Amino acid sequence: QAAEPRQLYVKDWAFDPFTATEADKAPLYAHPTYGLAEAMTDLWDGKLHFAGTEVAPVFGGYIEGALEAAENVLSTLNL
C-alpha cells in the first residue's frame, strides 16, 4: 500500500499555530549563527558533550555541521 499513496500532505510548520510564532513566518535572509554556547561547555566536569549540527561552529544546520561537531567531541575525548 505504501508504494501507491492516495494522498500527499505538505506541511509548513512555520504556519502551524501550535508549533510556531509570528517570528517564524518571517523569511531568513542569511543562515543562522550556530555554535556551542559557553553555558553548555564543561558540564558535569567535562563528561557531558554535545555533538549535533546545532552546536557546530562553522557548518551549523547542515549535515557537515553534524560531522564537524562529532569530530570536535571526538578530539576532546581520550579514546
C-alpha atoms as a PDB file:
ATOM      1  CA  GLN A   1       0.000   0.000   0.000  1.00  0.00           C
ATOM      2  CA  ALA A   2       2.889   2.371   0.728  1.00  0.00           C
ATOM      3  CA  ALA A   3       4.082   2.043  -2.873  1.00  0.00           C
ATOM      4  CA  GLU A   4       0.807   3.570  -4.085  1.00  0.00           C
ATOM      5  CA  PRO A   5      -0.090   6.536  -1.850  1.00  0.00           C
ATOM      6  CA  ARG A   6      -3.545   8.019  -2.270  1.00  0.00           C
ATOM      7  CA  GLN A   7      -2.749  11.471  -0.893  1.00  0.00           C
ATOM      8  CA  LEU A   8       0.207  13.741  -0.237  1.00  0.00           C
ATOM      9  CA  TYR A   9       0.270  16.287   2.566  1.00  0.00           C
ATOM     10  CA  VAL A  10       2.780  19.135   2.602  1.00  0.00           C
ATOM     11  CA  LYS A  11       3.060  20.883   5.960  1.00  0.00           C
ATOM     12  CA  ASP A  12       4.769  24.241   6.503  1.00  0.00           C
ATOM     13  CA  TRP A  13       5.418  24.179  10.239  1.00  0.00           C
ATOM     14  CA  ALA A  14       6.113  27.937  10.279  1.00  0.00           C
ATOM     15  CA  PHE A  15       2.372  28.497   9.883  1.00  0.00           C
ATOM     16  CA  ASP A  16       1.200  25.902  12.399  1.00  0.00           C
ATOM     17  CA  PRO A  17      -0.342  27.750  15.369  1.00  0.00           C
ATOM     18  CA  PHE A  18       0.755  25.054  17.836  1.00  0.00           C
ATOM     19  CA  THR A  19       4.438  24.920  16.829  1.00  0.00           C
ATOM     20  CA  ALA A  20       5.326  28.409  15.563  1.00  0.00           C
ATOM     21  CA  THR A  21       5.134  32.091  16.429  1.00  0.00           C
ATOM     22  CA  GLU A  22       4.704  35.172  14.240  1.00  0.00           C
ATOM     23  CA  ALA A  23       8.504  35.490  14.076  1.00  0.00           C
ATOM     24  CA  ASP A  24       8.694  32.067  12.374  1.00  0.00           C
ATOM     25  CA  LYS A  25       6.771  33.444   9.395  1.00  0.00           C
ATOM     26  CA  ALA A  26       9.486  35.968   8.537  1.00  0.00           C
ATOM     27  CA  PRO A  27      11.852  34.760   5.813  1.00  0.00           C
ATOM     28  CA  LEU A  28      15.521  34.227   6.594  1.00  0.00           C
ATOM     29  CA  TYR A  29      17.959  36.288   4.571  1.00  0.00           C
ATOM     30  CA  ALA A  30      21.067  34.567   5.933  1.00  0.00           C
ATOM     31  CA  HIS A  31      21.868  31.234   7.532  1.00  0.00           C
ATOM     32  CA  PRO A  32      21.518  31.441  11.347  1.00  0.00           C
ATOM     33  CA  THR A  33      24.601  31.515  13.530  1.00  0.00           C
ATOM     34  CA  TYR A  34      25.095  28.270  15.379  1.00  0.00           C
ATOM     35  CA  GLY A  35      27.735  27.102  17.842  1.00  0.00           C
ATOM     36  CA  LEU A  36      28.126  25.762  21.329  1.00  0.00           C
ATOM     37  CA  ALA A  37      27.012  28.282  23.931  1.00  0.00           C
ATOM     38  CA  GLU A  38      29.526  28.977  26.698  1.00  0.00           C
ATOM     39  CA  ALA A  39      26.939  27.801  29.254  1.00  0.00           C
ATOM     40  CA  MET A  40      26.978  24.364  27.596  1.00  0.00           C
ATOM     41  CA  THR A  41      30.719  23.808  27.958  1.00  0.00           C
ATOM     42  CA  ASP A  42      32.485  21.836  30.674  1.00  0.00           C
ATOM     43  CA  LEU A  43      29.274  20.374  32.082  1.00  0.00           C
ATOM     44  CA  TRP A  44      29.429  17.516  34.572  1.00  0.00           C
ATOM     45  CA  ASP A  45      33.165  18.100  34.978  1.00  0.00           C
ATOM     46  CA  GLY A  46      33.692  17.804  31.227  1.00  0.00           C
ATOM     47  CA  LYS A  47      31.846  14.497  30.930  1.00  0.00           C
ATOM     48  CA  LEU A  48      28.818  15.831  29.003  1.00  0.00           C
ATOM     49  CA  HIS A  49      29.426  16.702  25.349  1.00  0.00           C
ATOM     50  CA  PHE A  50      27.111  17.960  22.607  1.00  0.00           C
ATOM     51  CA  ALA A  51      27.679  16.821  19.040  1.00  0.00           C
ATOM     52  CA  GLY A  52      24.739  17.908  16.929  1.00  0.00           C
ATOM     53  CA  THR A  53      24.581  20.161  13.912  1.00  0.00           C
ATOM     54  CA  GLU A  54      23.204  22.970  16.085  1.00  0.00           C
ATOM     55  CA  VAL A  55      26.485  23.270  18.017  1.00  0.00           C
ATOM     56  CA  ALA A  56      28.846  23.227  15.038  1.00  0.00           C
ATOM     57  CA  PRO A  57      30.883  26.447  14.881  1.00  0.00           C
ATOM     58  CA  VAL A  58      31.069  26.697  11.062  1.00  0.00           C
ATOM     59  CA  PHE A  59      28.518  24.483   9.289  1.00  0.00           C
ATOM     60  CA  GLY A  60      25.654  24.561  11.815  1.00  0.00           C
ATOM     61  CA  GLY A  61      22.331  23.434  10.434  1.00  0.00           C
ATOM     62  CA  TYR A  62      23.894  21.275   7.721  1.00  0.00           C
ATOM     63  CA  ILE A  63      24.970  17.631   7.673  1.00  0.00           C
ATOM     64  CA  GLU A  64      28.548  18.945   7.523  1.00  0.00           C
ATOM     65  CA  GLY A  65      27.853  20.636  10.853  1.00  0.00           C
ATOM     66  CA  ALA A  66      26.832  17.360  12.448  1.00  0.00           C
ATOM     67  CA  LEU A  67      30.059  15.790  11.225  1.00  0.00           C
ATOM     68  CA  GLU A  68      32.077  18.797  12.373  1.00  0.00           C
ATOM     69  CA  ALA A  69      30.503  18.704  15.837  1.00  0.00           C
ATOM     70  CA  ALA A  70      31.130  14.969  16.138  1.00  0.00           C
ATOM     71  CA  GLU A  71      34.776  15.446  15.178  1.00  0.00           C
ATOM     72  CA  ASN A  72      35.106  18.232  17.746  1.00  0.00           C
ATOM     73  CA  VAL A  73      33.784  15.981  20.517  1.00  0.00           C
ATOM     74  CA  LEU A  74      35.976  13.084  19.427  1.00  0.00           C
ATOM     75  CA  SER A  75      39.036  15.320  19.555  1.00  0.00           C
ATOM     76  CA  THR A  76      38.303  16.144  23.219  1.00  0.00           C
ATOM     77  CA  LEU A  77      37.840  12.517  24.302  1.00  0.00           C
ATOM     78  CA  ASN A  78      40.734  10.342  25.353  1.00  0.00           C
ATOM     79  CA  LEU A  79      39.934   7.219  23.333  1.00  0.00           C
END
